[in-house]
Every structure is written in C-alpha cells, then in structure tokens.
Protein backbone atom coordinates (compact mmCIF):
# COMPACT_ATOMS: atom_id res chain seq x y z
CA UNK A 1 128.67 47.70 88.94
CA UNK A 2 131.94 47.26 90.72
CA UNK A 3 131.39 46.58 94.43
CA UNK A 4 127.60 46.42 94.08
CA UNK A 5 126.01 44.23 96.72
CA UNK A 6 123.69 41.52 95.44
CA UNK A 7 120.23 41.88 96.96
CA UNK A 8 119.06 38.73 98.74
CA UNK A 9 115.87 36.99 97.62
CA UNK A 10 112.75 38.96 98.43
CA UNK A 11 109.40 37.28 99.03
CA UNK A 12 106.45 39.32 97.73
CA UNK A 13 104.31 40.49 100.65
CA UNK A 14 102.23 43.67 100.75
CA UNK A 15 100.10 45.25 103.49
CA UNK A 16 97.51 48.01 103.23
CA UNK A 17 97.49 50.80 105.80
CA UNK A 18 95.00 53.63 106.11
CA UNK A 19 95.11 57.01 107.75
CA UNK A 20 94.47 60.68 107.10
CA UNK A 21 96.51 63.41 105.46
CA UNK A 22 95.33 67.05 105.35
CA UNK A 23 91.77 65.99 106.11
CA UNK A 24 91.67 63.43 103.31
CA UNK A 25 91.77 59.66 103.62
CA UNK A 26 95.19 58.17 102.90
CA UNK A 27 95.73 54.62 101.72
CA UNK A 28 99.26 53.22 101.76
CA UNK A 29 100.31 49.95 100.20
CA UNK A 30 103.57 48.85 101.87
CA UNK A 31 105.96 46.26 100.43
CA UNK A 32 106.68 44.32 103.62
CA UNK A 33 108.78 41.75 101.73
CA UNK A 34 111.61 44.23 101.26
CA UNK A 35 111.96 44.94 104.98
CA UNK A 36 114.88 42.43 104.98
CA UNK A 37 116.98 44.94 102.96
CA UNK A 38 115.63 48.21 104.39
CA UNK A 39 118.47 50.45 105.48
CA UNK A 40 121.11 47.73 105.01
CA UNK A 41 123.15 49.47 102.27
CA UNK A 42 121.77 47.76 99.19
CA UNK A 43 119.69 50.64 97.84
CA UNK A 44 120.61 54.03 99.28
CA UNK A 45 118.59 56.43 97.15
CA UNK A 46 114.88 57.14 97.36
CA UNK A 47 112.85 58.53 94.48
CA UNK A 48 109.20 59.31 94.28
CA UNK A 49 106.98 59.34 91.22
CA UNK A 50 103.67 61.07 91.64
CA UNK A 51 100.79 62.23 89.52
CA UNK A 52 97.40 63.83 90.02
CA UNK A 53 94.26 61.91 89.20
CA UNK A 54 92.37 63.29 86.23
CA UNK A 55 89.10 62.02 87.73
CA UNK A 56 88.76 61.67 91.49
CA UNK A 57 86.16 61.13 94.13
CA UNK A 58 85.03 63.88 96.53
CA UNK A 59 87.55 62.71 99.14
CA UNK A 60 90.51 62.68 96.74
CA UNK A 61 90.66 58.97 95.91
CA UNK A 62 90.88 57.53 92.43
CA UNK A 63 87.60 57.15 90.53
CA UNK A 64 86.51 53.81 89.07
CA UNK A 65 86.25 55.71 85.72
CA UNK A 66 90.03 56.15 85.75
CA UNK A 67 91.15 52.83 87.24
CA UNK A 68 92.16 51.15 83.96
CA UNK A 69 94.60 53.93 83.09
CA UNK A 70 95.97 54.08 86.64
CA UNK A 71 96.62 50.34 86.57
CA UNK A 72 98.45 50.71 83.23
CA UNK A 73 100.72 53.37 84.74
CA UNK A 74 101.31 51.19 87.79
CA UNK A 75 102.18 48.17 85.66
CA UNK A 76 104.83 50.22 83.78
CA UNK A 77 106.28 51.58 87.01
CA UNK A 78 106.59 48.07 88.44
CA UNK A 79 108.07 46.69 85.22
CA UNK A 80 110.71 49.44 85.25
CA UNK A 81 111.51 49.78 88.95
CA UNK A 82 110.60 46.61 90.86
CA UNK A 83 113.34 44.29 89.71
CA UNK A 84 115.05 43.42 93.02
CA UNK A 85 118.42 44.11 91.38
CA UNK A 86 118.89 47.88 91.34
CA UNK A 87 115.48 49.14 92.49
CA UNK A 88 112.33 48.16 94.39
CA UNK A 89 108.94 49.78 94.81
CA UNK A 90 108.51 50.22 98.56
CA UNK A 91 105.32 52.24 99.07
CA UNK A 92 102.31 53.40 97.09
CA UNK A 93 100.59 56.34 98.74
CA UNK A 94 97.15 57.53 97.63
CA UNK A 95 95.71 60.73 99.13
CA UNK A 96 94.39 64.16 98.22
CA UNK A 97 93.92 63.47 94.52
CA UNK A 98 97.44 62.11 94.03
CA UNK A 99 99.23 58.78 93.87
CA UNK A 100 102.93 58.44 94.70
CA UNK A 101 105.22 55.47 94.21
CA UNK A 102 108.26 55.43 96.50
CA UNK A 103 111.22 53.63 94.99
CA UNK A 104 114.53 52.74 96.60
CA UNK A 105 117.41 52.24 94.19
CA UNK A 106 121.14 52.45 93.64
CA UNK A 107 123.09 54.61 91.18
CA UNK A 108 122.92 51.98 88.45
CA UNK A 109 119.12 52.22 88.23
CA UNK A 110 118.98 54.90 85.48
CA UNK A 111 115.96 56.38 87.22
CA UNK A 112 115.52 59.52 85.01
CA UNK A 113 115.70 57.59 81.75
CA UNK A 114 113.21 54.96 82.87
CA UNK A 115 110.80 57.64 84.12
CA UNK A 116 111.03 59.55 80.83
CA UNK A 117 110.11 56.37 78.97
CA UNK A 118 107.04 55.91 81.14
CA UNK A 119 106.05 59.59 80.81
CA UNK A 120 106.17 59.27 77.01
CA UNK A 121 103.48 56.59 77.23
CA UNK A 122 101.10 58.64 79.39
CA UNK A 123 101.23 62.19 78.07
CA UNK A 124 97.88 63.07 79.61
CA UNK A 125 99.47 62.74 83.06
CA UNK A 126 102.25 64.87 84.43
CA UNK A 127 104.59 62.53 86.30
CA UNK A 128 106.65 64.47 88.82
CA UNK A 129 109.69 63.14 90.65
CA UNK A 130 112.28 63.72 93.33
CA UNK A 131 115.40 61.83 94.32
CA UNK A 132 117.38 62.03 97.53
CA UNK A 133 119.77 59.93 99.50
CA UNK A 134 118.04 57.88 102.22
CA UNK A 135 120.45 55.23 103.48
CA UNK A 136 118.30 54.45 106.52
CA UNK A 137 115.06 54.17 104.54
CA UNK A 138 113.44 56.84 106.73
CA UNK A 139 110.24 57.26 104.73
CA UNK A 140 109.65 53.51 104.47
CA UNK A 141 110.16 53.13 108.24
CA UNK A 142 107.44 55.76 108.93
CA UNK A 143 104.75 53.36 107.66
CA UNK A 144 104.51 50.28 109.90
C-alpha cells in the first residue's frame, strides 16, 4: 500500500431518497457521511453489486417474504466492503425488481475475491458486478 492515502474518520449518516426509474418506484439509500471523501482521491474505483429479487411486489420492490435473506446479503456486503480503509458502500438502489450496492474502493480492496466469497454463501442469487474508474464520484454525486 505504498503511497495510499489514509481515509479520514467518517461519521455514519444515511439519507433515503425516492424517485422513479422506468415507471417503477426507486428507493435510494445514500451514505451522506462519506461525502467528505467523495472525489478527493482516496477511492477512485466504483463497483456495483446487483441481484434480482426472487420474490417481489407488483411495483418491483422487495417482498416482506424475502426480507430476511436480503438483509443477510446486505450484512455480508457491508462486512466485506464498508471498512473505511480501502472501500465504502456509498449507495443502495432498489428499483425494478433489483437491488444494487455501489461501492467506491482502491486497488487494494480485492473486490473480485470478496464478491466471490459472498456469492458462495448465496447460491440462489446471481450477484452481478461491474467496475470502472470514477475519480470524481459521478454516480454518487447524481443522488443529492
């Protein structure tokens, strides 16, 4: 981790935003506490982890019948990627039968290995991912 910048202390603070996407309600949980590091060169890569609900409501939101499993997945994602050292969970987007976790991280994060470990625990779900450079935190900035 030569030349890695130490992330300053982050105070936990989340907001909930709502909107619409493709005719479906969209709920976004935004980690406002990390705004102090957004686009400041600490974490320059953005990855998303998404999966489709197995049971969903008519408008594409998660069903109460599936909540326990969804919370288990979320707990594992947070345990692996919200450490304020090499990665943070910035957004959680729920819409159209899907949930996506947006994670900002550096190269030391070992994103693929951590995601594979989570996938092995939840074989009934297909966790998809993407990774791209996002030094200015463009996606995070879209949700204010």
